[in-house]
Amino acid sequence: QVQVVESGGGSVQPGGSLRLSCAASALTSDYYAIGWFRQAPGQEREGISCIRMSDPTSYVSHSVKGRFLISRDRSKNTAYLDMNSLKPGDTAVYYCATGSRFACSGKSLRTSDWGSWGQGTQVTVSS
């Protein structure tokens, strides 16, 4: 069974930066993608970024475009989310998940397309 583990959350002041990591293991194929989602209290889970591990296809949602950057290290089966110019509105639990490469097609993400989820990591942006 695929396992997914997030790390790198924490507390930061507005304008600060954080890097989240998502490591996937027990994968049976190289043709998969890693997606990043976040969920604030009382709100629906929001898909914010994804990247395919087999090719450079990626997506960043409008809500974080220009501030968040996704990258990957194929040798480590790991994806990274570099979050810059953080705002209080970015406060949420951040989750990563794996899915087929078709789940990451340059369009908005659907949670139903992603099968294996991590436990989430808290990001708090506050002064």
C-alpha atoms as a PDB file:
ATOM      1  CA  GLN A   1       0.000   0.000   0.000  1.00  0.00           C
ATOM      2  CA  VAL A   2       1.292   3.431  -0.945  1.00  0.00           C
ATOM      3  CA  GLN A   3       2.346   5.509   2.015  1.00  0.00           C
ATOM      4  CA  VAL A   4       2.578   9.287   1.953  1.00  0.00           C
ATOM      5  CA  VAL A   5       4.236  11.417   4.625  1.00  0.00           C
ATOM      6  CA  GLU A   6       4.241  15.218   4.812  1.00  0.00           C
ATOM      7  CA  SER A   7       6.720  17.265   6.769  1.00  0.00           C
ATOM      8  CA  GLY A   8       7.837  20.860   7.141  1.00  0.00           C
ATOM      9  CA  GLY A   9       4.832  22.633   8.597  1.00  0.00           C
ATOM     10  CA  GLY A  10       5.036  25.103  11.421  1.00  0.00           C
ATOM     11  CA  SER A  11       4.346  28.654  12.511  1.00  0.00           C
ATOM     12  CA  VAL A  12       5.614  31.680  10.628  1.00  0.00           C
ATOM     13  CA  GLN A  13       4.976  35.409  10.548  1.00  0.00           C
ATOM     14  CA  PRO A  14       3.230  37.044   7.598  1.00  0.00           C
ATOM     15  CA  GLY A  15       5.626  37.454   4.713  1.00  0.00           C
ATOM     16  CA  GLY A  16       7.666  34.453   5.786  1.00  0.00           C
ATOM     17  CA  SER A  17       8.424  31.215   3.979  1.00  0.00           C
ATOM     18  CA  LEU A  18       8.115  27.494   4.596  1.00  0.00           C
ATOM     19  CA  ARG A  19       9.012  24.402   2.620  1.00  0.00           C
ATOM     20  CA  LEU A  20       6.782  21.351   2.798  1.00  0.00           C
ATOM     21  CA  SER A  21       7.970  17.906   1.741  1.00  0.00           C
ATOM     22  CA  CYS A  22       5.916  14.925   0.629  1.00  0.00           C
ATOM     23  CA  ALA A  23       7.581  11.528   0.473  1.00  0.00           C
ATOM     24  CA  ALA A  24       5.815   8.601  -1.168  1.00  0.00           C
ATOM     25  CA  SER A  25       6.763   4.969  -0.737  1.00  0.00           C
ATOM     26  CA  ALA A  26       5.625   1.491  -1.823  1.00  0.00           C
ATOM     27  CA  LEU A  27       4.818   2.777  -5.277  1.00  0.00           C
ATOM     28  CA  THR A  28       4.329   0.244  -8.050  1.00  0.00           C
ATOM     29  CA  SER A  29       4.683   2.639 -10.978  1.00  0.00           C
ATOM     30  CA  ASP A  30       6.699   5.687 -11.999  1.00  0.00           C
ATOM     31  CA  TYR A  31       3.640   7.151 -13.700  1.00  0.00           C
ATOM     32  CA  TYR A  32       2.102   8.958 -10.801  1.00  0.00           C
ATOM     33  CA  ALA A  33       1.653  12.458  -9.495  1.00  0.00           C
ATOM     34  CA  ILE A  34       1.790  14.160  -6.119  1.00  0.00           C
ATOM     35  CA  GLY A  35      -0.765  16.766  -5.204  1.00  0.00           C
ATOM     36  CA  TRP A  36      -0.942  19.339  -2.442  1.00  0.00           C
ATOM     37  CA  PHE A  37      -4.185  20.308  -0.747  1.00  0.00           C
ATOM     38  CA  ARG A  38      -5.083  22.421   2.233  1.00  0.00           C
ATOM     39  CA  GLN A  39      -8.042  22.663   4.558  1.00  0.00           C
ATOM     40  CA  ALA A  40      -8.801  25.526   6.889  1.00  0.00           C
ATOM     41  CA  PRO A  41     -11.259  25.112   9.785  1.00  0.00           C
ATOM     42  CA  GLY A  42     -14.830  25.089   8.537  1.00  0.00           C
ATOM     43  CA  GLN A  43     -13.793  25.105   4.884  1.00  0.00           C
ATOM     44  CA  GLU A  44     -13.633  22.512   2.146  1.00  0.00           C
ATOM     45  CA  ARG A  45     -10.363  20.911   1.170  1.00  0.00           C
ATOM     46  CA  GLU A  46      -8.732  22.974  -1.562  1.00  0.00           C
ATOM     47  CA  GLY A  47      -6.379  21.603  -4.205  1.00  0.00           C
ATOM     48  CA  ILE A  48      -3.492  24.026  -4.618  1.00  0.00           C
ATOM     49  CA  SER A  49      -0.746  22.329  -6.612  1.00  0.00           C
ATOM     50  CA  CYS A  50       0.397  19.105  -8.228  1.00  0.00           C
ATOM     51  CA  ILE A  51       3.278  17.710 -10.210  1.00  0.00           C
ATOM     52  CA  ARG A  52       3.831  14.574 -12.216  1.00  0.00           C
ATOM     53  CA  MET A  53       6.836  12.513 -11.265  1.00  0.00           C
ATOM     54  CA  SER A  54       7.362  11.166 -14.809  1.00  0.00           C
ATOM     55  CA  ASP A  55       7.292  14.484 -16.696  1.00  0.00           C
ATOM     56  CA  PRO A  56       7.323  18.229 -15.919  1.00  0.00           C
ATOM     57  CA  THR A  57       3.542  18.703 -15.997  1.00  0.00           C
ATOM     58  CA  SER A  58       2.463  20.718 -12.989  1.00  0.00           C
ATOM     59  CA  TYR A  59      -0.301  22.989 -11.767  1.00  0.00           C
ATOM     60  CA  VAL A  60      -0.570  25.801  -9.235  1.00  0.00           C
ATOM     61  CA  SER A  61      -3.938  27.229  -8.275  1.00  0.00           C
ATOM     62  CA  HIS A  62      -4.747  30.872  -8.816  1.00  0.00           C
ATOM     63  CA  SER A  63      -5.031  31.417  -5.064  1.00  0.00           C
ATOM     64  CA  VAL A  64      -1.301  30.758  -4.516  1.00  0.00           C
ATOM     65  CA  LYS A  65       0.205  31.364  -7.950  1.00  0.00           C
ATOM     66  CA  GLY A  66       3.280  33.549  -7.827  1.00  0.00           C
ATOM     67  CA  ARG A  67       3.887  32.709  -4.152  1.00  0.00           C
ATOM     68  CA  PHE A  68       3.997  28.902  -4.025  1.00  0.00           C
ATOM     69  CA  LEU A  69       6.322  26.749  -6.135  1.00  0.00           C
ATOM     70  CA  ILE A  70       6.171  22.979  -6.555  1.00  0.00           C
ATOM     71  CA  SER A  71       9.153  20.808  -7.428  1.00  0.00           C
ATOM     72  CA  ARG A  72      10.163  17.164  -7.229  1.00  0.00           C
ATOM     73  CA  ASP A  73      13.083  14.841  -6.702  1.00  0.00           C
ATOM     74  CA  ARG A  74      12.354  11.677  -8.645  1.00  0.00           C
ATOM     75  CA  SER A  75      15.220   9.770  -7.042  1.00  0.00           C
ATOM     76  CA  LYS A  76      13.604  10.279  -3.636  1.00  0.00           C
ATOM     77  CA  ASN A  77       9.945   9.945  -4.705  1.00  0.00           C
ATOM     78  CA  THR A  78       9.490  13.305  -3.011  1.00  0.00           C
ATOM     79  CA  ALA A  79       7.723  16.510  -3.950  1.00  0.00           C
ATOM     80  CA  TYR A  80       8.262  19.887  -2.350  1.00  0.00           C
ATOM     81  CA  LEU A  81       6.045  22.906  -1.912  1.00  0.00           C
ATOM     82  CA  ASP A  82       7.936  26.140  -1.378  1.00  0.00           C
ATOM     83  CA  MET A  83       5.589  28.667   0.148  1.00  0.00           C
ATOM     84  CA  ASN A  84       6.670  32.311   0.065  1.00  0.00           C
ATOM     85  CA  SER A  85       5.056  35.610   1.064  1.00  0.00           C
ATOM     86  CA  LEU A  86       2.766  33.708   3.391  1.00  0.00           C
ATOM     87  CA  LYS A  87      -0.437  35.352   4.530  1.00  0.00           C
ATOM     88  CA  PRO A  88      -2.751  34.643   7.474  1.00  0.00           C
ATOM     89  CA  GLY A  89      -5.226  33.282   4.924  1.00  0.00           C
ATOM     90  CA  ASP A  90      -2.752  30.496   4.139  1.00  0.00           C
ATOM     91  CA  THR A  91      -3.260  29.055   7.622  1.00  0.00           C
ATOM     92  CA  ALA A  92      -4.544  25.505   7.216  1.00  0.00           C
ATOM     93  CA  VAL A  93      -3.682  21.848   7.495  1.00  0.00           C
ATOM     94  CA  TYR A  94      -1.731  20.927   4.377  1.00  0.00           C
ATOM     95  CA  TYR A  95      -2.085  17.459   2.921  1.00  0.00           C
ATOM     96  CA  CYS A  96      -0.339  15.712   0.104  1.00  0.00           C
ATOM     97  CA  ALA A  97      -1.626  12.765  -1.862  1.00  0.00           C
ATOM     98  CA  THR A  98      -0.645  10.493  -4.726  1.00  0.00           C
ATOM     99  CA  GLY A  99      -2.664   9.769  -7.816  1.00  0.00           C
ATOM    100  CA  SER A 100      -2.245   8.684 -11.398  1.00  0.00           C
ATOM    101  CA  ARG A 101      -0.475  11.131 -13.664  1.00  0.00           C
ATOM    102  CA  PHE A 102      -3.862  12.000 -15.188  1.00  0.00           C
ATOM    103  CA  ALA A 103      -4.922  13.482 -11.848  1.00  0.00           C
ATOM    104  CA  CYS A 104      -2.419  16.276 -12.541  1.00  0.00           C
ATOM    105  CA  SER A 105      -3.210  17.640 -15.969  1.00  0.00           C
ATOM    106  CA  GLY A 106      -2.676  21.362 -15.617  1.00  0.00           C
ATOM    107  CA  LYS A 107      -6.232  21.948 -14.452  1.00  0.00           C
ATOM    108  CA  SER A 108      -7.845  22.370 -11.077  1.00  0.00           C
ATOM    109  CA  LEU A 109      -7.561  19.373  -8.764  1.00  0.00           C
ATOM    110  CA  ARG A 110     -10.368  17.069  -7.698  1.00  0.00           C
ATOM    111  CA  THR A 111      -9.934  15.328  -4.353  1.00  0.00           C
ATOM    112  CA  SER A 112     -11.672  12.229  -5.742  1.00  0.00           C
ATOM    113  CA  ASP A 113      -8.784  11.700  -8.197  1.00  0.00           C
ATOM    114  CA  TRP A 114      -6.250  11.176  -5.419  1.00  0.00           C
ATOM    115  CA  GLY A 115      -5.986   7.851  -3.648  1.00  0.00           C
ATOM    116  CA  SER A 116      -3.339   7.822  -0.919  1.00  0.00           C
ATOM    117  CA  TRP A 117      -3.271  10.701   1.544  1.00  0.00           C
ATOM    118  CA  GLY A 118      -0.826  11.804   4.186  1.00  0.00           C
ATOM    119  CA  GLN A 119      -1.783  12.694   7.743  1.00  0.00           C
ATOM    120  CA  GLY A 120      -1.445  16.434   7.148  1.00  0.00           C
ATOM    121  CA  THR A 121       0.853  19.092   8.546  1.00  0.00           C
ATOM    122  CA  GLN A 122      -0.275  22.321  10.202  1.00  0.00           C
ATOM    123  CA  VAL A 123       0.802  25.664   8.757  1.00  0.00           C
ATOM    124  CA  THR A 124       0.017  28.726  10.856  1.00  0.00           C
ATOM    125  CA  VAL A 125       0.701  32.252   9.617  1.00  0.00           C
ATOM    126  CA  SER A 126       0.307  34.801  12.370  1.00  0.00           C
ATOM    127  CA  SER A 127       1.999  37.829  13.822  1.00  0.00           C
END
